[in-house]
Protein backbone atom coordinates (compact mmCIF):
# COMPACT_ATOMS: atom_id res chain seq x y z
CA MET A 1 7.21 -3.53 -32.53
CA PRO A 2 5.65 -1.58 -30.52
CA THR A 3 6.94 2.11 -30.04
CA VAL A 4 5.79 4.10 -26.51
CA GLN A 5 6.08 7.99 -27.49
CA PHE A 6 6.26 10.20 -23.78
CA ARG A 7 8.42 13.31 -23.06
CA GLY A 8 8.99 13.39 -27.16
CA GLN A 9 11.08 10.29 -27.20
CA ARG A 10 10.29 7.04 -29.46
CA ILE A 11 10.33 3.95 -27.22
CA ASP A 12 10.29 0.23 -29.57
CA CYS A 13 9.85 -2.35 -26.72
CA ASP A 14 8.07 -5.91 -27.25
CA GLU A 15 4.39 -6.67 -27.30
CA GLY A 16 3.48 -7.35 -23.80
CA GLU A 17 5.95 -5.36 -21.75
CA ILE A 18 4.45 -3.21 -18.82
CA LEU A 19 4.93 0.40 -19.55
CA ARG A 20 6.52 0.50 -16.29
CA ASP A 21 9.55 -1.69 -17.05
CA VAL A 22 9.84 0.07 -20.89
CA LEU A 23 10.20 3.96 -19.67
CA LEU A 24 12.78 2.83 -16.94
CA GLU A 25 14.62 0.88 -19.50
CA ALA A 26 15.14 3.20 -21.61
CA GLY A 27 16.29 6.34 -19.32
CA GLU A 28 12.43 7.56 -18.72
CA SER A 29 10.41 7.33 -15.40
CA PRO A 30 6.73 7.50 -14.87
CA HIS A 31 7.04 8.76 -11.12
CA ASN A 32 7.56 12.41 -10.60
CA GLY A 33 9.51 14.18 -8.16
CA MET A 34 10.61 12.27 -4.67
CA ALA A 35 8.22 9.28 -6.50
CA ASP A 36 10.82 8.43 -8.55
CA THR A 37 12.85 6.91 -5.24
CA VAL A 38 9.78 6.57 -2.99
CA ASN A 39 7.40 3.88 -5.07
CA CYS A 40 6.04 0.78 -5.10
CA ARG A 41 8.88 -0.61 -7.47
CA GLY A 42 5.41 -1.98 -9.71
CA LYS A 43 3.12 -4.02 -6.97
CA ALA A 44 0.14 -1.30 -7.47
CA THR A 45 0.27 0.06 -3.94
CA CYS A 46 1.53 3.66 -3.92
CA GLY A 47 -0.69 4.61 -7.54
CA THR A 48 2.68 6.95 -8.25
CA CYS A 49 2.88 5.60 -11.23
CA ALA A 50 -0.36 6.79 -13.25
CA VAL A 51 -0.07 8.91 -16.65
CA ALA A 52 -2.63 8.82 -19.39
CA VAL A 53 -2.45 6.89 -21.94
CA ASP A 54 -3.83 6.41 -25.51
CA GLY A 55 -3.21 3.04 -27.97
CA ALA A 56 -3.19 -0.32 -27.59
CA VAL A 57 -2.90 -1.32 -23.32
CA SER A 58 -4.83 -4.42 -21.87
CA ASP A 59 -7.15 -3.79 -19.52
CA PRO A 60 -6.72 -2.97 -16.48
CA THR A 61 -5.62 -5.11 -13.43
CA ASP A 62 -8.12 -5.89 -10.55
CA ARG A 63 -5.61 -3.80 -8.11
CA GLU A 64 -4.85 -1.67 -10.59
CA GLN A 65 -8.55 -0.73 -10.43
CA GLN A 66 -8.44 -0.94 -6.48
CA ARG A 67 -5.50 1.80 -6.43
CA LEU A 68 -7.09 4.09 -8.31
CA SER A 69 -11.02 4.09 -6.97
CA PHE A 70 -9.83 6.08 -3.55
CA PRO A 71 -8.02 8.76 -3.06
CA PRO A 72 -6.00 11.37 -5.02
CA HIS A 73 -6.78 9.01 -7.73
CA ASP A 74 -10.23 9.15 -9.41
CA PRO A 75 -11.23 6.35 -11.49
CA ASP A 76 -13.61 8.52 -13.81
CA ARG A 77 -9.99 10.53 -14.50
CA GLY A 78 -8.77 7.52 -17.37
CA LEU A 79 -5.47 7.49 -16.01
CA ARG A 80 -3.66 4.32 -15.68
CA LEU A 81 -1.10 2.46 -13.97
CA ALA A 82 2.39 2.00 -15.36
CA CYS A 83 3.16 -0.90 -13.48
CA GLN A 84 -0.11 -2.35 -14.59
CA THR A 85 -0.40 -1.82 -18.07
CA ARG A 86 1.60 -3.87 -20.62
CA VAL A 87 2.05 -2.61 -24.20
CA GLU A 88 0.08 -4.23 -26.87
CA GLY A 89 0.46 -1.61 -29.89
CA ASP A 90 1.80 1.73 -30.37
CA VAL A 91 1.02 4.23 -27.28
CA THR A 92 1.30 7.85 -26.06
CA VAL A 93 2.34 8.33 -22.50
CA THR A 94 1.60 11.86 -20.55
CA LYS A 95 2.77 12.40 -17.36
CA TYR A 96 0.66 15.14 -15.84
CA PRO A 97 1.67 17.06 -11.95
CA GLY A 98 1.62 15.93 -9.02
CA PHE A 99 3.24 13.45 -6.23
CA TRP A 100 1.19 10.69 -7.71
CA GLY A 101 0.59 12.26 -11.45
CA GLN A 102 -2.84 12.75 -11.37
CA LYS A 103 -3.77 16.81 -11.36
CA ILE A 104 -4.94 16.84 -14.68
CA GLU A 105 -6.00 20.40 -15.50
CA GLU A 106 -10.05 20.84 -15.72
CA THR A 107 -11.32 21.94 -19.46
CA ASP A 108 -14.94 23.66 -19.43
């Protein structure tokens, strides 16, 4: 049974579950601020559930790649949409600031 680590919480889930659903069922959210209310409900159209994922997950879907390829996202940032990402093993999830969760601090 995979474990998702998010904001200091460990969440057990079944392999193949959608990351967004895992977080919401655990009382967590892959959204920031008003995006928690104003989002596409898992259809990969808004991009507000963008997160960094470290661990075993599914490959990006076509819809996910399309959404992450235009602003405010940047496909080179390596973010994933929680609504399109299936958990395949243990993962650590990080949500960055910004309405879309895209504000990753640059390090020189």
